[in-house]
Protein backbone atom coordinates (compact mmCIF):
# COMPACT_ATOMS: atom_id res chain seq x y z
CA UNK A 1 0.00 0.00 0.00
CA UNK A 2 1.29 3.48 -0.82
CA UNK A 3 1.82 6.31 1.66
CA UNK A 4 -1.26 8.12 0.34
CA UNK A 5 -3.45 5.03 0.60
CA UNK A 6 -2.36 4.41 4.20
CA UNK A 7 -3.03 8.01 5.24
CA UNK A 8 -6.35 8.22 3.36
CA UNK A 9 -7.66 5.26 5.37
CA UNK A 10 -7.41 7.49 8.47
CA UNK A 11 -8.63 10.75 6.91
CA UNK A 12 -11.98 12.11 5.76
CA UNK A 13 -11.85 14.80 3.08
CA UNK A 14 -15.61 15.46 3.28
CA UNK A 15 -16.17 18.23 5.83
CA UNK A 16 -18.62 21.05 6.55
CA UNK A 17 -16.35 23.63 4.89
CA UNK A 18 -13.91 23.78 1.99
CA UNK A 19 -10.24 24.28 2.78
CA UNK A 20 -6.73 22.97 2.47
CA UNK A 21 -4.19 22.06 5.10
CA UNK A 22 -0.52 21.25 4.49
CA UNK A 23 1.27 19.08 7.03
CA UNK A 24 4.97 18.29 7.11
CA UNK A 25 6.39 15.16 8.72
CA UNK A 26 9.34 12.79 8.56
CA UNK A 27 9.43 9.17 7.53
CA UNK A 28 12.23 7.47 9.44
CA UNK A 29 14.30 4.74 7.81
CA UNK A 30 12.16 2.05 9.50
CA UNK A 31 8.92 3.66 8.21
CA UNK A 32 7.86 5.41 11.43
CA UNK A 33 6.11 8.77 10.95
CA UNK A 34 7.57 11.44 13.25
CA UNK A 35 7.73 15.21 13.71
CA UNK A 36 4.21 15.89 12.45
CA UNK A 37 3.72 19.66 12.16
CA UNK A 38 1.23 22.00 10.60
CA UNK A 39 2.94 23.76 7.69
CA UNK A 40 -0.01 25.78 6.41
CA UNK A 41 -3.35 26.13 8.16
CA UNK A 42 -6.67 25.91 6.38
CA UNK A 43 -7.97 28.63 8.68
CA UNK A 44 -10.14 26.05 10.46
CA UNK A 45 -8.69 24.32 13.52
CA UNK A 46 -10.92 21.27 12.97
CA UNK A 47 -9.58 20.67 9.46
CA UNK A 48 -5.98 21.15 10.58
CA UNK A 49 -6.40 18.70 13.46
CA UNK A 50 -8.11 16.13 11.23
CA UNK A 51 -5.10 16.12 8.88
CA UNK A 52 -2.59 15.79 11.72
CA UNK A 53 -4.69 13.07 13.36
CA UNK A 54 -4.63 11.01 10.14
CA UNK A 55 -0.83 10.93 10.30
CA UNK A 56 -0.76 10.11 14.03
CA UNK A 57 -3.14 7.20 13.39
CA UNK A 58 -1.13 5.94 10.41
CA UNK A 59 2.04 5.81 12.57
CA UNK A 60 4.08 3.71 10.12
CA UNK A 61 4.49 3.31 6.36
CA UNK A 62 6.77 1.23 4.15
CA UNK A 63 10.41 1.60 5.28
CA UNK A 64 12.73 3.72 3.17
CA UNK A 65 14.65 1.79 0.51
CA UNK A 66 18.14 0.67 1.53
CA UNK A 67 19.56 2.74 -1.33
CA UNK A 68 18.00 5.94 0.10
CA UNK A 69 21.00 7.98 1.30
CA UNK A 70 19.53 9.72 4.37
CA UNK A 71 18.15 8.46 7.67
CA UNK A 72 14.76 10.13 7.06
CA UNK A 73 12.61 11.67 4.36
CA UNK A 74 10.75 14.95 4.96
CA UNK A 75 7.30 15.01 3.35
CA UNK A 76 4.95 17.96 2.74
CA UNK A 77 1.45 16.55 2.30
CA UNK A 78 -1.57 18.49 1.11
CA UNK A 79 -5.01 17.70 2.59
CA UNK A 80 -7.76 19.25 0.44
CA UNK A 81 -11.24 19.38 2.00
CA UNK A 82 -14.54 19.65 0.14
CA UNK A 83 -18.14 19.77 1.26
PDB file of N, CA and C in Angstrom:
ATOM      1  N   UNK A   1       0.839  -1.181   0.000  1.00  0.00           N
ATOM      2  CA  UNK A   1       0.000   0.000   0.000  1.00  0.00           C
ATOM      3  C   UNK A   1       0.890   1.253   0.000  1.00  0.00           C
ATOM      4  N   UNK A   2       0.486   2.267  -0.738  1.00  0.00           N
ATOM      5  CA  UNK A   2       1.294   3.481  -0.820  1.00  0.00           C
ATOM      6  C   UNK A   2       1.072   4.368   0.404  1.00  0.00           C
ATOM      7  N   UNK A   3       1.949   5.337   0.571  1.00  0.00           N
ATOM      8  CA  UNK A   3       1.824   6.310   1.657  1.00  0.00           C
ATOM      9  C   UNK A   3       0.447   6.968   1.620  1.00  0.00           C
ATOM     10  N   UNK A   4       0.037   7.438   0.446  1.00  0.00           N
ATOM     11  CA  UNK A   4      -1.257   8.117   0.341  1.00  0.00           C
ATOM     12  C   UNK A   4      -2.416   7.201   0.702  1.00  0.00           C
ATOM     13  N   UNK A   5      -2.377   5.969   0.279  1.00  0.00           N
ATOM     14  CA  UNK A   5      -3.451   5.027   0.605  1.00  0.00           C
ATOM     15  C   UNK A   5      -3.530   4.785   2.108  1.00  0.00           C
ATOM     16  N   UNK A   6      -2.387   4.638   2.753  1.00  0.00           N
ATOM     17  CA  UNK A   6      -2.364   4.407   4.198  1.00  0.00           C
ATOM     18  C   UNK A   6      -2.932   5.606   4.953  1.00  0.00           C
ATOM     19  N   UNK A   7      -2.545   6.804   4.560  1.00  0.00           N
ATOM     20  CA  UNK A   7      -3.033   8.014   5.237  1.00  0.00           C
ATOM     21  C   UNK A   7      -4.515   8.214   4.955  1.00  0.00           C
ATOM     22  N   UNK A   8      -4.946   8.004   3.723  1.00  0.00           N
ATOM     23  CA  UNK A   8      -6.346   8.218   3.355  1.00  0.00           C
ATOM     24  C   UNK A   8      -7.302   7.303   4.130  1.00  0.00           C
ATOM     25  N   UNK A   9      -6.830   6.144   4.558  1.00  0.00           N
ATOM     26  CA  UNK A   9      -7.659   5.255   5.370  1.00  0.00           C
ATOM     27  C   UNK A   9      -8.030   5.905   6.698  1.00  0.00           C
ATOM     28  N   UNK A  10      -7.210   6.848   7.164  1.00  0.00           N
ATOM     29  CA  UNK A  10      -7.406   7.492   8.467  1.00  0.00           C
ATOM     30  C   UNK A  10      -7.857   8.948   8.347  1.00  0.00           C
ATOM     31  N   UNK A  11      -8.305   9.352   7.155  1.00  0.00           N
ATOM     32  CA  UNK A  11      -8.628  10.754   6.911  1.00  0.00           C
ATOM     33  C   UNK A  11      -9.921  10.875   6.124  1.00  0.00           C
ATOM     34  N   UNK A  12     -10.717  11.867   6.461  1.00  0.00           N
ATOM     35  CA  UNK A  12     -11.981  12.113   5.765  1.00  0.00           C
ATOM     36  C   UNK A  12     -11.933  13.488   5.114  1.00  0.00           C
ATOM     37  N   UNK A  13     -11.945  13.527   3.805  1.00  0.00           N
ATOM     38  CA  UNK A  13     -11.853  14.796   3.077  1.00  0.00           C
ATOM     39  C   UNK A  13     -13.189  15.524   3.015  1.00  0.00           C
ATOM     40  N   UNK A  14     -14.278  14.846   3.327  1.00  0.00           N
ATOM     41  CA  UNK A  14     -15.606  15.463   3.283  1.00  0.00           C
ATOM     42  C   UNK A  14     -15.873  16.137   4.628  1.00  0.00           C
ATOM     43  N   UNK A  15     -15.960  17.462   4.598  1.00  0.00           N
ATOM     44  CA  UNK A  15     -16.169  18.232   5.825  1.00  0.00           C
ATOM     45  C   UNK A  15     -17.268  19.265   5.603  1.00  0.00           C
ATOM     46  N   UNK A  16     -17.573  20.026   6.625  1.00  0.00           N
ATOM     47  CA  UNK A  16     -18.621  21.046   6.551  1.00  0.00           C
ATOM     48  C   UNK A  16     -18.187  22.282   5.762  1.00  0.00           C
ATOM     49  N   UNK A  17     -16.882  22.464   5.603  1.00  0.00           N
ATOM     50  CA  UNK A  17     -16.348  23.634   4.892  1.00  0.00           C
ATOM     51  C   UNK A  17     -15.255  23.192   3.916  1.00  0.00           C
ATOM     52  N   UNK A  18     -15.021  24.015   2.907  1.00  0.00           N
ATOM     53  CA  UNK A  18     -13.913  23.777   1.990  1.00  0.00           C
ATOM     54  C   UNK A  18     -12.642  24.359   2.590  1.00  0.00           C
ATOM     55  N   UNK A  19     -11.511  23.760   2.290  1.00  0.00           N
ATOM     56  CA  UNK A  19     -10.240  24.284   2.779  1.00  0.00           C
ATOM     57  C   UNK A  19      -9.105  23.368   2.393  1.00  0.00           C
ATOM     58  N   UNK A  20      -7.914  23.776   2.757  1.00  0.00           N
ATOM     59  CA  UNK A  20      -6.732  22.970   2.471  1.00  0.00           C
ATOM     60  C   UNK A  20      -5.714  23.164   3.578  1.00  0.00           C
ATOM     61  N   UNK A  21      -5.207  22.073   4.072  1.00  0.00           N
ATOM     62  CA  UNK A  21      -4.185  22.062   5.104  1.00  0.00           C
ATOM     63  C   UNK A  21      -2.937  21.408   4.519  1.00  0.00           C
ATOM     64  N   UNK A  22      -1.767  21.913   4.863  1.00  0.00           N
ATOM     65  CA  UNK A  22      -0.517  21.249   4.492  1.00  0.00           C
ATOM     66  C   UNK A  22       0.204  20.876   5.781  1.00  0.00           C
ATOM     67  N   UNK A  23       0.576  19.612   5.860  1.00  0.00           N
ATOM     68  CA  UNK A  23       1.265  19.083   7.033  1.00  0.00           C
ATOM     69  C   UNK A  23       2.623  18.560   6.591  1.00  0.00           C
ATOM     70  N   UNK A  24       3.639  18.836   7.384  1.00  0.00           N
ATOM     71  CA  UNK A  24       4.967  18.291   7.113  1.00  0.00           C
ATOM     72  C   UNK A  24       5.284  17.248   8.192  1.00  0.00           C
ATOM     73  N   UNK A  25       6.012  16.218   7.778  1.00  0.00           N
ATOM     74  CA  UNK A  25       6.389  15.160   8.715  1.00  0.00           C
ATOM     75  C   UNK A  25       7.601  14.427   8.162  1.00  0.00           C
ATOM     76  N   UNK A  26       8.186  13.587   8.991  1.00  0.00           N
ATOM     77  CA  UNK A  26       9.336  12.794   8.563  1.00  0.00           C
ATOM     78  C   UNK A  26       8.989  11.312   8.561  1.00  0.00           C
ATOM     79  N   UNK A  27       9.489  10.637   7.552  1.00  0.00           N
ATOM     80  CA  UNK A  27       9.431   9.174   7.533  1.00  0.00           C
ATOM     81  C   UNK A  27      10.836   8.709   7.896  1.00  0.00           C
ATOM     82  N   UNK A  28      10.942   8.002   9.006  1.00  0.00           N
ATOM     83  CA  UNK A  28      12.232   7.475   9.442  1.00  0.00           C
ATOM     84  C   UNK A  28      12.585   6.250   8.597  1.00  0.00           C
ATOM     85  N   UNK A  29      13.827   5.863   8.627  1.00  0.00           N
ATOM     86  CA  UNK A  29      14.299   4.740   7.811  1.00  0.00           C
ATOM     87  C   UNK A  29      13.429   3.493   8.001  1.00  0.00           C
ATOM     88  N   UNK A  30      12.971   3.250   9.229  1.00  0.00           N
ATOM     89  CA  UNK A  30      12.157   2.053   9.498  1.00  0.00           C
ATOM     90  C   UNK A  30      10.673   2.236   9.153  1.00  0.00           C
ATOM     91  N   UNK A  31      10.295   3.419   8.618  1.00  0.00           N
ATOM     92  CA  UNK A  31       8.919   3.663   8.208  1.00  0.00           C
ATOM     93  C   UNK A  31       8.068   4.406   9.227  1.00  0.00           C
ATOM     94  N   UNK A  32       8.619   4.660  10.426  1.00  0.00           N
ATOM     95  CA  UNK A  32       7.855   5.410  11.426  1.00  0.00           C
ATOM     96  C   UNK A  32       7.626   6.848  10.960  1.00  0.00           C
ATOM     97  N   UNK A  33       6.438   7.368  11.238  1.00  0.00           N
ATOM     98  CA  UNK A  33       6.110   8.766  10.948  1.00  0.00           C
ATOM     99  C   UNK A  33       6.377   9.568  12.213  1.00  0.00           C
ATOM    100  N   UNK A  34       7.213  10.608  12.091  1.00  0.00           N
ATOM    101  CA  UNK A  34       7.567  11.436  13.252  1.00  0.00           C
ATOM    102  C   UNK A  34       7.510  12.914  12.870  1.00  0.00           C
ATOM    103  N   UNK A  35       7.635  13.756  13.867  1.00  0.00           N
ATOM    104  CA  UNK A  35       7.734  15.212  13.706  1.00  0.00           C
ATOM    105  C   UNK A  35       6.612  15.782  12.829  1.00  0.00           C
ATOM    106  N   UNK A  36       5.388  15.420  13.176  1.00  0.00           N
ATOM    107  CA  UNK A  36       4.208  15.892  12.450  1.00  0.00           C
ATOM    108  C   UNK A  36       3.933  17.339  12.863  1.00  0.00           C
ATOM    109  N   UNK A  37       3.933  18.241  11.865  1.00  0.00           N
ATOM    110  CA  UNK A  37       3.724  19.660  12.156  1.00  0.00           C
ATOM    111  C   UNK A  37       2.839  20.296  11.095  1.00  0.00           C
ATOM    112  N   UNK A  38       2.054  21.248  11.526  1.00  0.00           N
ATOM    113  CA  UNK A  38       1.226  22.004  10.600  1.00  0.00           C
ATOM    114  C   UNK A  38       2.116  22.977   9.832  1.00  0.00           C
ATOM    115  N   UNK A  39       2.140  22.860   8.520  1.00  0.00           N
ATOM    116  CA  UNK A  39       2.944  23.761   7.693  1.00  0.00           C
ATOM    117  C   UNK A  39       2.117  24.962   7.235  1.00  0.00           C
ATOM    118  N   UNK A  40       0.878  24.687   6.800  1.00  0.00           N
ATOM    119  CA  UNK A  40      -0.009  25.783   6.407  1.00  0.00           C
ATOM    120  C   UNK A  40      -1.430  25.453   6.840  1.00  0.00           C
ATOM    121  N   UNK A  41      -2.004  26.328   7.639  1.00  0.00           N
ATOM    122  CA  UNK A  41      -3.348  26.131   8.162  1.00  0.00           C
ATOM    123  C   UNK A  41      -4.399  26.386   7.097  1.00  0.00           C
ATOM    124  N   UNK A  42      -5.514  25.695   7.244  1.00  0.00           N
ATOM    125  CA  UNK A  42      -6.672  25.915   6.380  1.00  0.00           C
ATOM    126  C   UNK A  42      -7.468  27.124   6.851  1.00  0.00           C
ATOM    127  N   UNK A  43      -7.176  27.577   8.055  1.00  0.00           N
ATOM    128  CA  UNK A  43      -7.968  28.632   8.676  1.00  0.00           C
ATOM    129  C   UNK A  43      -9.044  28.072   9.592  1.00  0.00           C
ATOM    130  N   UNK A  44      -9.163  26.736   9.609  1.00  0.00           N
ATOM    131  CA  UNK A  44     -10.138  26.054  10.457  1.00  0.00           C
ATOM    132  C   UNK A  44      -9.396  25.033  11.309  1.00  0.00           C
ATOM    133  N   UNK A  45      -9.424  25.218  12.615  1.00  0.00           N
ATOM    134  CA  UNK A  45      -8.692  24.321  13.520  1.00  0.00           C
ATOM    135  C   UNK A  45      -9.133  22.869  13.345  1.00  0.00           C
ATOM    136  N   UNK A  46     -10.417  22.638  13.135  1.00  0.00           N
ATOM    137  CA  UNK A  46     -10.918  21.269  12.972  1.00  0.00           C
ATOM    138  C   UNK A  46     -10.315  20.563  11.774  1.00  0.00           C
ATOM    139  N   UNK A  47     -10.183  21.274  10.664  1.00  0.00           N
ATOM    140  CA  UNK A  47      -9.579  20.671   9.465  1.00  0.00           C
ATOM    141  C   UNK A  47      -8.109  20.380   9.697  1.00  0.00           C
ATOM    142  N   UNK A  48      -7.414  21.329  10.313  1.00  0.00           N
ATOM    143  CA  UNK A  48      -5.980  21.147  10.581  1.00  0.00           C
ATOM    144  C   UNK A  48      -5.748  19.940  11.486  1.00  0.00           C
ATOM    145  N   UNK A  49      -6.559  19.820  12.531  1.00  0.00           N
ATOM    146  CA  UNK A  49      -6.405  18.704  13.462  1.00  0.00           C
ATOM    147  C   UNK A  49      -6.754  17.365  12.816  1.00  0.00           C
ATOM    148  N   UNK A  50      -7.736  17.360  11.926  1.00  0.00           N
ATOM    149  CA  UNK A  50      -8.111  16.125  11.226  1.00  0.00           C
ATOM    150  C   UNK A  50      -6.950  15.608  10.375  1.00  0.00           C
ATOM    151  N   UNK A  51      -6.256  16.513   9.704  1.00  0.00           N
ATOM    152  CA  UNK A  51      -5.101  16.124   8.881  1.00  0.00           C
ATOM    153  C   UNK A  51      -3.975  15.562   9.754  1.00  0.00           C
ATOM    154  N   UNK A  52      -3.664  16.258  10.837  1.00  0.00           N
ATOM    155  CA  UNK A  52      -2.595  15.792  11.720  1.00  0.00           C
ATOM    156  C   UNK A  52      -2.966  14.455  12.361  1.00  0.00           C
ATOM    157  N   UNK A  53      -4.216  14.309  12.734  1.00  0.00           N
ATOM    158  CA  UNK A  53      -4.685  13.066  13.358  1.00  0.00           C
ATOM    159  C   UNK A  53      -4.516  11.883  12.406  1.00  0.00           C
ATOM    160  N   UNK A  54      -4.787  12.095  11.121  1.00  0.00           N
ATOM    161  CA  UNK A  54      -4.632  11.014  10.139  1.00  0.00           C
ATOM    162  C   UNK A  54      -3.202  10.477  10.140  1.00  0.00           C
ATOM    163  N   UNK A  55      -2.228  11.363  10.268  1.00  0.00           N
ATOM    164  CA  UNK A  55      -0.827  10.928  10.299  1.00  0.00           C
ATOM    165  C   UNK A  55      -0.487  10.240  11.615  1.00  0.00           C
ATOM    166  N   UNK A  56      -0.999  10.760  12.742  1.00  0.00           N
ATOM    167  CA  UNK A  56      -0.762  10.111  14.033  1.00  0.00           C
ATOM    168  C   UNK A  56      -1.337   8.693  14.028  1.00  0.00           C
ATOM    169  N   UNK A  57      -2.522   8.526  13.440  1.00  0.00           N
ATOM    170  CA  UNK A  57      -3.141   7.203  13.385  1.00  0.00           C
ATOM    171  C   UNK A  57      -2.406   6.261  12.440  1.00  0.00           C
ATOM    172  N   UNK A  58      -1.859   6.782  11.368  1.00  0.00           N
ATOM    173  CA  UNK A  58      -1.130   5.941  10.409  1.00  0.00           C
ATOM    174  C   UNK A  58       0.136   5.380  11.049  1.00  0.00           C
ATOM    175  N   UNK A  59       0.857   6.189  11.794  1.00  0.00           N
ATOM    176  CA  UNK A  59       2.041   5.813  12.569  1.00  0.00           C
ATOM    177  C   UNK A  59       3.223   5.264  11.782  1.00  0.00           C
ATOM    178  N   UNK A  60       2.977   4.388  10.813  1.00  0.00           N
ATOM    179  CA  UNK A  60       4.082   3.712  10.121  1.00  0.00           C
ATOM    180  C   UNK A  60       3.697   3.446   8.670  1.00  0.00           C
ATOM    181  N   UNK A  61       4.675   3.607   7.788  1.00  0.00           N
ATOM    182  CA  UNK A  61       4.493   3.308   6.359  1.00  0.00           C
ATOM    183  C   UNK A  61       5.624   2.377   5.934  1.00  0.00           C
ATOM    184  N   UNK A  62       5.707   2.093   4.662  1.00  0.00           N
ATOM    185  CA  UNK A  62       6.769   1.231   4.151  1.00  0.00           C
ATOM    186  C   UNK A  62       8.133   1.846   4.485  1.00  0.00           C
ATOM    187  N   UNK A  63       9.071   1.056   4.979  1.00  0.00           N
ATOM    188  CA  UNK A  63      10.414   1.599   5.283  1.00  0.00           C
ATOM    189  C   UNK A  63      11.071   2.204   4.045  1.00  0.00           C
ATOM    190  N   UNK A  64      11.988   3.111   4.276  1.00  0.00           N
ATOM    191  CA  UNK A  64      12.728   3.721   3.170  1.00  0.00           C
ATOM    192  C   UNK A  64      13.607   2.666   2.508  1.00  0.00           C
ATOM    193  N   UNK A  65      13.797   2.765   1.209  1.00  0.00           N
ATOM    194  CA  UNK A  65      14.650   1.790   0.515  1.00  0.00           C
ATOM    195  C   UNK A  65      16.081   1.835   1.047  1.00  0.00           C
ATOM    196  N   UNK A  66      16.756   0.716   1.020  1.00  0.00           N
ATOM    197  CA  UNK A  66      18.137   0.670   1.531  1.00  0.00           C
ATOM    198  C   UNK A  66      19.056   1.594   0.745  1.00  0.00           C
ATOM    199  N   UNK A  67      18.736   1.851  -0.508  1.00  0.00           N
ATOM    200  CA  UNK A  67      19.562   2.744  -1.329  1.00  0.00           C
ATOM    201  C   UNK A  67      19.326   4.223  -1.021  1.00  0.00           C
ATOM    202  N   UNK A  68      18.269   4.539  -0.252  1.00  0.00           N
ATOM    203  CA  UNK A  68      18.003   5.936   0.100  1.00  0.00           C
ATOM    204  C   UNK A  68      19.153   6.428   0.973  1.00  0.00           C
ATOM    205  N   UNK A  69      19.765   7.572   0.636  1.00  0.00           N
ATOM    206  CA  UNK A  69      21.001   7.978   1.296  1.00  0.00           C
ATOM    207  C   UNK A  69      20.852   8.561   2.704  1.00  0.00           C
ATOM    208  N   UNK A  70      19.690   9.051   3.077  1.00  0.00           N
ATOM    209  CA  UNK A  70      19.527   9.717   4.369  1.00  0.00           C
ATOM    210  C   UNK A  70      18.805   8.828   5.371  1.00  0.00           C
ATOM    211  N   UNK A  71      18.810   9.253   6.643  1.00  0.00           N
ATOM    212  CA  UNK A  71      18.148   8.462   7.674  1.00  0.00           C
ATOM    213  C   UNK A  71      16.660   8.779   7.798  1.00  0.00           C
ATOM    214  N   UNK A  72      16.182   9.805   7.066  1.00  0.00           N
ATOM    215  CA  UNK A  72      14.760  10.131   7.060  1.00  0.00           C
ATOM    216  C   UNK A  72      14.414  10.882   5.774  1.00  0.00           C
ATOM    217  N   UNK A  73      13.123  10.940   5.507  1.00  0.00           N
ATOM    218  CA  UNK A  73      12.605  11.671   4.355  1.00  0.00           C
ATOM    219  C   UNK A  73      11.569  12.655   4.870  1.00  0.00           C
ATOM    220  N   UNK A  74      11.729  13.945   4.575  1.00  0.00           N
ATOM    221  CA  UNK A  74      10.750  14.954   4.961  1.00  0.00           C
ATOM    222  C   UNK A  74       9.689  15.052   3.864  1.00  0.00           C
ATOM    223  N   UNK A  75       8.429  14.986   4.284  1.00  0.00           N
ATOM    224  CA  UNK A  75       7.302  15.007   3.348  1.00  0.00           C
ATOM    225  C   UNK A  75       6.411  16.207   3.657  1.00  0.00           C
ATOM    226  N   UNK A  76       5.916  16.864   2.624  1.00  0.00           N
ATOM    227  CA  UNK A  76       4.954  17.958   2.744  1.00  0.00           C
ATOM    228  C   UNK A  76       3.692  17.448   2.057  1.00  0.00           C
ATOM    229  N   UNK A  77       2.646  17.174   2.841  1.00  0.00           N
ATOM    230  CA  UNK A  77       1.450  16.545   2.298  1.00  0.00           C
ATOM    231  C   UNK A  77       0.268  17.491   2.362  1.00  0.00           C
ATOM    232  N   UNK A  78      -0.419  17.608   1.234  1.00  0.00           N
ATOM    233  CA  UNK A  78      -1.572  18.491   1.107  1.00  0.00           C
ATOM    234  C   UNK A  78      -2.854  17.710   1.401  1.00  0.00           C
ATOM    235  N   UNK A  79      -3.708  18.299   2.233  1.00  0.00           N
ATOM    236  CA  UNK A  79      -5.008  17.703   2.587  1.00  0.00           C
ATOM    237  C   UNK A  79      -6.113  18.651   2.106  1.00  0.00           C
ATOM    238  N   UNK A  80      -6.669  18.398   0.933  1.00  0.00           N
ATOM    239  CA  UNK A  80      -7.764  19.253   0.435  1.00  0.00           C
ATOM    240  C   UNK A  80      -9.113  18.765   0.984  1.00  0.00           C
ATOM    241  N   UNK A  81      -9.912  19.695   1.468  1.00  0.00           N
ATOM    242  CA  UNK A  81     -11.239  19.378   2.003  1.00  0.00           C
ATOM    243  C   UNK A  81     -12.320  19.958   1.107  1.00  0.00           C
ATOM    244  N   UNK A  82     -13.390  19.206   0.918  1.00  0.00           N
ATOM    245  CA  UNK A  82     -14.535  19.652   0.136  1.00  0.00           C
ATOM    246  C   UNK A  82     -15.815  19.287   0.884  1.00  0.00           C
ATOM    247  N   UNK A  83     -16.843  20.076   0.636  1.00  0.00           N
ATOM    248  CA  UNK A  83     -18.140  19.769   1.257  1.00  0.00           C
ATOM    249  C   UNK A  83     -18.781  18.582   0.599  1.00  0.00           C
TER     250      UNK A  83
END
